[in-house]
């Protein structure tokens, strides 16, 4: 399941109650990846769903690019980047 919520900030406890295995939160120009482990969330630099991609590093770069160049162009560049990985 993927949820994108830009209108409100859901607290981690809400996801914890549902045992959501992985939660990404983007705040203050940083992507935080939280992994559910032993009944709590721990921060991780690597996504278990995308272990070979530097998600925590690349997402902030593309978010910043979208602010400068717009969403459409940045999404195309992101898709191209994914195909190269």
PDB file of N, CA and C in Angstrom:
ATOM      1  N   UNK A   1       0.841  -1.174   0.000  1.00  0.00           N
ATOM      2  CA  UNK A   1       0.000   0.000   0.000  1.00  0.00           C
ATOM      3  C   UNK A   1       0.885   1.235   0.000  1.00  0.00           C
ATOM      4  N   UNK A   2       0.519   2.194  -0.801  1.00  0.00           N
ATOM      5  CA  UNK A   2       1.207   3.475  -0.820  1.00  0.00           C
ATOM      6  C   UNK A   2       0.172   4.553  -0.552  1.00  0.00           C
ATOM      7  N   UNK A   3       0.482   5.424   0.389  1.00  0.00           N
ATOM      8  CA  UNK A   3      -0.382   6.556   0.685  1.00  0.00           C
ATOM      9  C   UNK A   3       0.457   7.815   0.549  1.00  0.00           C
ATOM     10  N   UNK A   4      -0.065   8.764  -0.191  1.00  0.00           N
ATOM     11  CA  UNK A   4       0.579  10.065  -0.299  1.00  0.00           C
ATOM     12  C   UNK A   4      -0.388  11.071   0.286  1.00  0.00           C
ATOM     13  N   UNK A   5       0.049  11.755   1.311  1.00  0.00           N
ATOM     14  CA  UNK A   5      -0.812  12.692   2.019  1.00  0.00           C
ATOM     15  C   UNK A   5      -0.088  14.023   2.122  1.00  0.00           C
ATOM     16  N   UNK A   6      -0.560  15.000   1.369  1.00  0.00           N
ATOM     17  CA  UNK A   6       0.091  16.305   1.403  1.00  0.00           C
ATOM     18  C   UNK A   6      -0.704  17.332   2.196  1.00  0.00           C
ATOM     19  N   UNK A   7      -1.905  16.969   2.623  1.00  0.00           N
ATOM     20  CA  UNK A   7      -2.749  17.943   3.311  1.00  0.00           C
ATOM     21  C   UNK A   7      -2.616  17.898   4.821  1.00  0.00           C
ATOM     22  N   UNK A   8      -2.198  16.783   5.353  1.00  0.00           N
ATOM     23  CA  UNK A   8      -2.059  16.680   6.805  1.00  0.00           C
ATOM     24  C   UNK A   8      -0.892  15.762   7.124  1.00  0.00           C
ATOM     25  N   UNK A   9      -0.455  15.843   8.338  1.00  0.00           N
ATOM     26  CA  UNK A   9       0.697  15.050   8.770  1.00  0.00           C
ATOM     27  C   UNK A   9       0.201  13.946   9.715  1.00  0.00           C
ATOM     28  N   UNK A  10       0.098  12.746   9.184  1.00  0.00           N
ATOM     29  CA  UNK A  10      -0.329  11.613   9.993  1.00  0.00           C
ATOM     30  C   UNK A  10       0.815  11.216  10.919  1.00  0.00           C
ATOM     31  N   UNK A  11       0.499  11.036  12.176  1.00  0.00           N
ATOM     32  CA  UNK A  11       1.507  10.653  13.154  1.00  0.00           C
ATOM     33  C   UNK A  11       1.904   9.192  12.951  1.00  0.00           C
ATOM     34  N   UNK A  12       3.144   8.894  13.265  1.00  0.00           N
ATOM     35  CA  UNK A  12       3.636   7.520  13.116  1.00  0.00           C
ATOM     36  C   UNK A  12       2.820   6.528  13.933  1.00  0.00           C
ATOM     37  N   UNK A  13       2.276   6.963  15.057  1.00  0.00           N
ATOM     38  CA  UNK A  13       1.480   6.057  15.896  1.00  0.00           C
ATOM     39  C   UNK A  13       0.284   5.482  15.134  1.00  0.00           C
ATOM     40  N   UNK A  14      -0.279   6.262  14.226  1.00  0.00           N
ATOM     41  CA  UNK A  14      -1.413   5.773  13.442  1.00  0.00           C
ATOM     42  C   UNK A  14      -0.984   4.613  12.550  1.00  0.00           C
ATOM     43  N   UNK A  15       0.187   4.726  11.949  1.00  0.00           N
ATOM     44  CA  UNK A  15       0.713   3.641  11.114  1.00  0.00           C
ATOM     45  C   UNK A  15       1.156   2.460  11.970  1.00  0.00           C
ATOM     46  N   UNK A  16       1.672   2.768  13.142  1.00  0.00           N
ATOM     47  CA  UNK A  16       2.116   1.725  14.069  1.00  0.00           C
ATOM     48  C   UNK A  16       0.944   0.836  14.474  1.00  0.00           C
ATOM     49  N   UNK A  17      -0.196   1.458  14.737  1.00  0.00           N
ATOM     50  CA  UNK A  17      -1.388   0.698  15.131  1.00  0.00           C
ATOM     51  C   UNK A  17      -1.830  -0.260  14.027  1.00  0.00           C
ATOM     52  N   UNK A  18      -1.529   0.094  12.788  1.00  0.00           N
ATOM     53  CA  UNK A  18      -1.890  -0.754  11.649  1.00  0.00           C
ATOM     54  C   UNK A  18      -0.758  -1.678  11.218  1.00  0.00           C
ATOM     55  N   UNK A  19       0.380  -1.563  11.891  1.00  0.00           N
ATOM     56  CA  UNK A  19       1.580  -2.351  11.567  1.00  0.00           C
ATOM     57  C   UNK A  19       2.002  -2.164  10.111  1.00  0.00           C
ATOM     58  N   UNK A  20       1.949  -0.924   9.645  1.00  0.00           N
ATOM     59  CA  UNK A  20       2.405  -0.614   8.290  1.00  0.00           C
ATOM     60  C   UNK A  20       3.911  -0.861   8.258  1.00  0.00           C
ATOM     61  N   UNK A  21       4.397  -1.725   7.373  1.00  0.00           N
ATOM     62  CA  UNK A  21       5.797  -2.144   7.433  1.00  0.00           C
ATOM     63  C   UNK A  21       6.820  -1.066   7.090  1.00  0.00           C
ATOM     64  N   UNK A  22       6.427  -0.084   6.294  1.00  0.00           N
ATOM     65  CA  UNK A  22       7.393   0.938   5.880  1.00  0.00           C
ATOM     66  C   UNK A  22       6.664   2.263   5.670  1.00  0.00           C
ATOM     67  N   UNK A  23       7.173   3.312   6.277  1.00  0.00           N
ATOM     68  CA  UNK A  23       6.567   4.639   6.161  1.00  0.00           C
ATOM     69  C   UNK A  23       7.646   5.627   5.741  1.00  0.00           C
ATOM     70  N   UNK A  24       7.363   6.366   4.680  1.00  0.00           N
ATOM     71  CA  UNK A  24       8.278   7.425   4.243  1.00  0.00           C
ATOM     72  C   UNK A  24       7.648   8.756   4.618  1.00  0.00           C
ATOM     73  N   UNK A  25       8.456   9.641   5.166  1.00  0.00           N
ATOM     74  CA  UNK A  25       7.977  10.983   5.510  1.00  0.00           C
ATOM     75  C   UNK A  25       8.979  11.998   4.976  1.00  0.00           C
ATOM     76  N   UNK A  26       8.462  12.959   4.248  1.00  0.00           N
ATOM     77  CA  UNK A  26       9.323  14.002   3.691  1.00  0.00           C
ATOM     78  C   UNK A  26       9.024  15.293   4.436  1.00  0.00           C
ATOM     79  N   UNK A  27      10.050  15.811   5.082  1.00  0.00           N
ATOM     80  CA  UNK A  27       9.873  17.025   5.877  1.00  0.00           C
ATOM     81  C   UNK A  27      11.205  17.766   5.961  1.00  0.00           C
ATOM     82  N   UNK A  28      11.138  19.070   5.855  1.00  0.00           N
ATOM     83  CA  UNK A  28      12.341  19.908   5.933  1.00  0.00           C
ATOM     84  C   UNK A  28      13.423  19.453   4.952  1.00  0.00           C
ATOM     85  N   UNK A  29      13.008  19.179   3.727  1.00  0.00           N
ATOM     86  CA  UNK A  29      13.930  18.785   2.651  1.00  0.00           C
ATOM     87  C   UNK A  29      14.681  17.490   2.933  1.00  0.00           C
ATOM     88  N   UNK A  30      14.084  16.612   3.725  1.00  0.00           N
ATOM     89  CA  UNK A  30      14.719  15.331   4.054  1.00  0.00           C
ATOM     90  C   UNK A  30      13.673  14.223   3.979  1.00  0.00           C
ATOM     91  N   UNK A  31      14.065  13.100   3.397  1.00  0.00           N
ATOM     92  CA  UNK A  31      13.195  11.926   3.377  1.00  0.00           C
ATOM     93  C   UNK A  31      13.599  11.010   4.516  1.00  0.00           C
ATOM     94  N   UNK A  32      12.634  10.696   5.349  1.00  0.00           N
ATOM     95  CA  UNK A  32      12.877   9.781   6.464  1.00  0.00           C
ATOM     96  C   UNK A  32      12.155   8.470   6.154  1.00  0.00           C
ATOM     97  N   UNK A  33      12.891   7.376   6.169  1.00  0.00           N
ATOM     98  CA  UNK A  33      12.316   6.050   5.946  1.00  0.00           C
ATOM     99  C   UNK A  33      12.221   5.368   7.303  1.00  0.00           C
ATOM    100  N   UNK A  34      11.001   4.982   7.683  1.00  0.00           N
ATOM    101  CA  UNK A  34      10.769   4.308   8.954  1.00  0.00           C
ATOM    102  C   UNK A  34      10.334   2.876   8.683  1.00  0.00           C
ATOM    103  N   UNK A  35      11.010   1.944   9.324  1.00  0.00           N
ATOM    104  CA  UNK A  35      10.738   0.520   9.153  1.00  0.00           C
ATOM    105  C   UNK A  35      10.145  -0.025  10.446  1.00  0.00           C
ATOM    106  N   UNK A  36       9.032  -0.748  10.308  1.00  0.00           N
ATOM    107  CA  UNK A  36       8.391  -1.353  11.473  1.00  0.00           C
ATOM    108  C   UNK A  36       9.172  -2.594  11.871  1.00  0.00           C
ATOM    109  N   UNK A  37       9.641  -2.594  13.105  1.00  0.00           N
ATOM    110  CA  UNK A  37      10.454  -3.711  13.579  1.00  0.00           C
ATOM    111  C   UNK A  37      10.219  -3.900  15.072  1.00  0.00           C
ATOM    112  N   UNK A  38       9.870  -5.095  15.458  1.00  0.00           N
ATOM    113  CA  UNK A  38       9.641  -5.427  16.869  1.00  0.00           C
ATOM    114  C   UNK A  38       8.652  -4.478  17.536  1.00  0.00           C
ATOM    115  N   UNK A  39       7.583  -4.131  16.816  1.00  0.00           N
ATOM    116  CA  UNK A  39       6.519  -3.324  17.391  1.00  0.00           C
ATOM    117  C   UNK A  39       6.781  -1.832  17.451  1.00  0.00           C
ATOM    118  N   UNK A  40       7.838  -1.360  16.786  1.00  0.00           N
ATOM    119  CA  UNK A  40       8.109   0.086  16.766  1.00  0.00           C
ATOM    120  C   UNK A  40       8.780   0.440  15.444  1.00  0.00           C
ATOM    121  N   UNK A  41       8.880   1.718  15.189  1.00  0.00           N
ATOM    122  CA  UNK A  41       9.540   2.178  13.973  1.00  0.00           C
ATOM    123  C   UNK A  41      10.979   2.561  14.257  1.00  0.00           C
ATOM    124  N   UNK A  42      11.846   2.138  13.344  1.00  0.00           N
ATOM    125  CA  UNK A  42      13.243   2.555  13.405  1.00  0.00           C
ATOM    126  C   UNK A  42      13.558   3.261  12.087  1.00  0.00           C
ATOM    127  N   UNK A  43      14.400   4.274  12.163  1.00  0.00           N
ATOM    128  CA  UNK A  43      14.772   5.007  10.960  1.00  0.00           C
ATOM    129  C   UNK A  43      15.820   4.218  10.187  1.00  0.00           C
ATOM    130  N   UNK A  44      15.680   4.246   8.875  1.00  0.00           N
ATOM    131  CA  UNK A  44      16.593   3.512   8.003  1.00  0.00           C
ATOM    132  C   UNK A  44      16.999   4.395   6.829  1.00  0.00           C
ATOM    133  N   UNK A  45      18.183   4.201   6.325  1.00  0.00           N
ATOM    134  CA  UNK A  45      18.635   4.906   5.122  1.00  0.00           C
ATOM    135  C   UNK A  45      18.229   4.145   3.863  1.00  0.00           C
ATOM    136  N   UNK A  46      17.830   2.883   4.044  1.00  0.00           N
ATOM    137  CA  UNK A  46      17.512   2.006   2.916  1.00  0.00           C
ATOM    138  C   UNK A  46      16.066   1.535   3.028  1.00  0.00           C
ATOM    139  N   UNK A  47      15.376   1.522   1.903  1.00  0.00           N
ATOM    140  CA  UNK A  47      14.021   0.998   1.848  1.00  0.00           C
ATOM    141  C   UNK A  47      14.078  -0.499   1.562  1.00  0.00           C
ATOM    142  N   UNK A  48      13.457  -1.328   2.395  1.00  0.00           N
ATOM    143  CA  UNK A  48      13.416  -2.763   2.098  1.00  0.00           C
ATOM    144  C   UNK A  48      12.702  -3.067   0.772  1.00  0.00           C
ATOM    145  N   UNK A  49      11.801  -2.180   0.363  1.00  0.00           N
ATOM    146  CA  UNK A  49      11.092  -2.377  -0.900  1.00  0.00           C
ATOM    147  C   UNK A  49      11.935  -2.015  -2.116  1.00  0.00           C
ATOM    148  N   UNK A  50      12.926  -1.157  -1.905  1.00  0.00           N
ATOM    149  CA  UNK A  50      13.821  -0.735  -2.986  1.00  0.00           C
ATOM    150  C   UNK A  50      15.261  -0.760  -2.477  1.00  0.00           C
ATOM    151  N   UNK A  51      15.760  -1.923  -2.101  1.00  0.00           N
ATOM    152  CA  UNK A  51      17.061  -1.995  -1.420  1.00  0.00           C
ATOM    153  C   UNK A  51      18.254  -1.553  -2.264  1.00  0.00           C
ATOM    154  N   UNK A  52      18.118  -1.581  -3.568  1.00  0.00           N
ATOM    155  CA  UNK A  52      19.246  -1.224  -4.433  1.00  0.00           C
ATOM    156  C   UNK A  52      19.200   0.216  -4.935  1.00  0.00           C
ATOM    157  N   UNK A  53      18.235   0.983  -4.443  1.00  0.00           N
ATOM    158  CA  UNK A  53      18.111   2.376  -4.863  1.00  0.00           C
ATOM    159  C   UNK A  53      18.402   3.308  -3.687  1.00  0.00           C
ATOM    160  N   UNK A  54      19.135   4.386  -3.927  1.00  0.00           N
ATOM    161  CA  UNK A  54      19.436   5.344  -2.852  1.00  0.00           C
ATOM    162  C   UNK A  54      18.265   6.308  -2.628  1.00  0.00           C
ATOM    163  N   UNK A  55      17.132   5.765  -2.234  1.00  0.00           N
ATOM    164  CA  UNK A  55      15.885   6.522  -2.122  1.00  0.00           C
ATOM    165  C   UNK A  55      16.027   7.741  -1.213  1.00  0.00           C
ATOM    166  N   UNK A  56      16.607   7.559  -0.031  1.00  0.00           N
ATOM    167  CA  UNK A  56      16.708   8.659   0.941  1.00  0.00           C
ATOM    168  C   UNK A  56      17.554   9.806   0.410  1.00  0.00           C
ATOM    169  N   UNK A  57      18.438   9.525  -0.510  1.00  0.00           N
ATOM    170  CA  UNK A  57      19.289  10.570  -1.076  1.00  0.00           C
ATOM    171  C   UNK A  57      18.684  11.188  -2.333  1.00  0.00           C
ATOM    172  N   UNK A  58      18.066  10.379  -3.170  1.00  0.00           N
ATOM    173  CA  UNK A  58      17.628  10.866  -4.475  1.00  0.00           C
ATOM    174  C   UNK A  58      16.285  11.600  -4.422  1.00  0.00           C
ATOM    175  N   UNK A  59      15.379  11.181  -3.561  1.00  0.00           N
ATOM    176  CA  UNK A  59      14.062  11.827  -3.500  1.00  0.00           C
ATOM    177  C   UNK A  59      14.178  13.314  -3.170  1.00  0.00           C
ATOM    178  N   UNK A  60      14.948  13.713  -2.154  1.00  0.00           N
ATOM    179  CA  UNK A  60      15.080  15.156  -1.896  1.00  0.00           C
ATOM    180  C   UNK A  60      15.633  15.934  -3.098  1.00  0.00           C
ATOM    181  N   UNK A  61      16.513  15.330  -3.854  1.00  0.00           N
ATOM    182  CA  UNK A  61      17.051  16.001  -5.045  1.00  0.00           C
ATOM    183  C   UNK A  61      15.952  16.247  -6.079  1.00  0.00           C
ATOM    184  N   UNK A  62      15.121  15.237  -6.295  1.00  0.00           N
ATOM    185  CA  UNK A  62      14.055  15.396  -7.274  1.00  0.00           C
ATOM    186  C   UNK A  62      12.959  16.336  -6.772  1.00  0.00           C
ATOM    187  N   UNK A  63      12.693  16.346  -5.491  1.00  0.00           N
ATOM    188  CA  UNK A  63      11.714  17.299  -4.946  1.00  0.00           C
ATOM    189  C   UNK A  63      12.199  18.726  -5.183  1.00  0.00           C
ATOM    190  N   UNK A  64      13.465  18.970  -4.916  1.00  0.00           N
ATOM    191  CA  UNK A  64      14.027  20.304  -5.143  1.00  0.00           C
ATOM    192  C   UNK A  64      13.971  20.667  -6.628  1.00  0.00           C
ATOM    193  N   UNK A  65      14.302  19.727  -7.491  1.00  0.00           N
ATOM    194  CA  UNK A  65      14.215  19.985  -8.933  1.00  0.00           C
ATOM    195  C   UNK A  65      12.787  20.325  -9.351  1.00  0.00           C
ATOM    196  N   UNK A  66      11.803  19.662  -8.742  1.00  0.00           N
ATOM    197  CA  UNK A  66      10.412  19.941  -9.108  1.00  0.00           C
ATOM    198  C   UNK A  66      10.018  21.363  -8.728  1.00  0.00           C
ATOM    199  N   UNK A  67      10.603  21.884  -7.676  1.00  0.00           N
ATOM    200  CA  UNK A  67      10.323  23.276  -7.286  1.00  0.00           C
ATOM    201  C   UNK A  67      10.886  24.254  -8.310  1.00  0.00           C
ATOM    202  N   UNK A  68      11.991  23.882  -8.918  1.00  0.00           N
ATOM    203  CA  UNK A  68      12.668  24.762  -9.872  1.00  0.00           C
ATOM    204  C   UNK A  68      12.123  24.582 -11.288  1.00  0.00           C
ATOM    205  N   UNK A  69      12.016  23.334 -11.737  1.00  0.00           N
ATOM    206  CA  UNK A  69      11.684  23.042 -13.132  1.00  0.00           C
ATOM    207  C   UNK A  69      10.238  22.607 -13.355  1.00  0.00           C
ATOM    208  N   UNK A  70       9.500  22.378 -12.287  1.00  0.00           N
ATOM    209  CA  UNK A  70       8.118  21.940 -12.418  1.00  0.00           C
ATOM    210  C   UNK A  70       7.983  20.433 -12.291  1.00  0.00           C
ATOM    211  N   UNK A  71       6.774  20.019 -11.968  1.00  0.00           N
ATOM    212  CA  UNK A  71       6.510  18.615 -11.685  1.00  0.00           C
ATOM    213  C   UNK A  71       6.619  17.719 -12.914  1.00  0.00           C
ATOM    214  N   UNK A  72       6.068  18.143 -14.041  1.00  0.00           N
ATOM    215  CA  UNK A  72       6.060  17.281 -15.234  1.00  0.00           C
ATOM    216  C   UNK A  72       7.462  16.934 -15.706  1.00  0.00           C
ATOM    217  N   UNK A  73       8.301  17.947 -15.854  1.00  0.00           N
ATOM    218  CA  UNK A  73       9.672  17.704 -16.302  1.00  0.00           C
ATOM    219  C   UNK A  73      10.426  16.834 -15.300  1.00  0.00           C
ATOM    220  N   UNK A  74      10.245  17.120 -14.027  1.00  0.00           N
ATOM    221  CA  UNK A  74      10.954  16.359 -12.997  1.00  0.00           C
ATOM    222  C   UNK A  74      10.492  14.911 -12.957  1.00  0.00           C
ATOM    223  N   UNK A  75       9.209  14.666 -13.127  1.00  0.00           N
ATOM    224  CA  UNK A  75       8.724  13.279 -13.169  1.00  0.00           C
ATOM    225  C   UNK A  75       9.314  12.523 -14.350  1.00  0.00           C
ATOM    226  N   UNK A  76       9.433  13.177 -15.490  1.00  0.00           N
ATOM    227  CA  UNK A  76      10.066  12.526 -16.646  1.00  0.00           C
ATOM    228  C   UNK A  76      11.524  12.194 -16.341  1.00  0.00           C
ATOM    229  N   UNK A  77      12.229  13.136 -15.725  1.00  0.00           N
ATOM    230  CA  UNK A  77      13.628  12.892 -15.371  1.00  0.00           C
ATOM    231  C   UNK A  77      13.747  11.764 -14.342  1.00  0.00           C
ATOM    232  N   UNK A  78      12.804  11.724 -13.399  1.00  0.00           N
ATOM    233  CA  UNK A  78      12.817  10.671 -12.380  1.00  0.00           C
ATOM    234  C   UNK A  78      12.590   9.308 -13.023  1.00  0.00           C
ATOM    235  N   UNK A  79      11.641   9.223 -13.938  1.00  0.00           N
ATOM    236  CA  UNK A  79      11.387   7.957 -14.639  1.00  0.00           C
ATOM    237  C   UNK A  79      12.613   7.511 -15.437  1.00  0.00           C
ATOM    238  N   UNK A  80      13.267   8.454 -16.090  1.00  0.00           N
ATOM    239  CA  UNK A  80      14.491   8.125 -16.830  1.00  0.00           C
ATOM    240  C   UNK A  80      15.561   7.600 -15.881  1.00  0.00           C
ATOM    241  N   UNK A  81      15.699   8.253 -14.747  1.00  0.00           N
ATOM    242  CA  UNK A  81      16.687   7.822 -13.755  1.00  0.00           C
ATOM    243  C   UNK A  81      16.386   6.393 -13.295  1.00  0.00           C
ATOM    244  N   UNK A  82      15.104   6.109 -13.019  1.00  0.00           N
ATOM    245  CA  UNK A  82      14.720   4.759 -12.585  1.00  0.00           C
ATOM    246  C   UNK A  82      15.069   3.707 -13.637  1.00  0.00           C
ATOM    247  N   UNK A  83      14.829   4.013 -14.891  1.00  0.00           N
ATOM    248  CA  UNK A  83      15.131   3.061 -15.966  1.00  0.00           C
ATOM    249  C   UNK A  83      16.625   2.765 -16.063  1.00  0.00           C
ATOM    250  N   UNK A  84      17.443   3.712 -15.661  1.00  0.00           N
ATOM    251  CA  UNK A  84      18.892   3.536 -15.732  1.00  0.00           C
ATOM    252  C   UNK A  84      19.449   2.727 -14.560  1.00  0.00           C
ATOM    253  N   UNK A  85      18.645   2.528 -13.544  1.00  0.00           N
ATOM    254  CA  UNK A  85      19.123   1.837 -12.343  1.00  0.00           C
ATOM    255  C   UNK A  85      19.062   0.336 -12.508  1.00  0.00           C
TER     256      UNK A  85
END
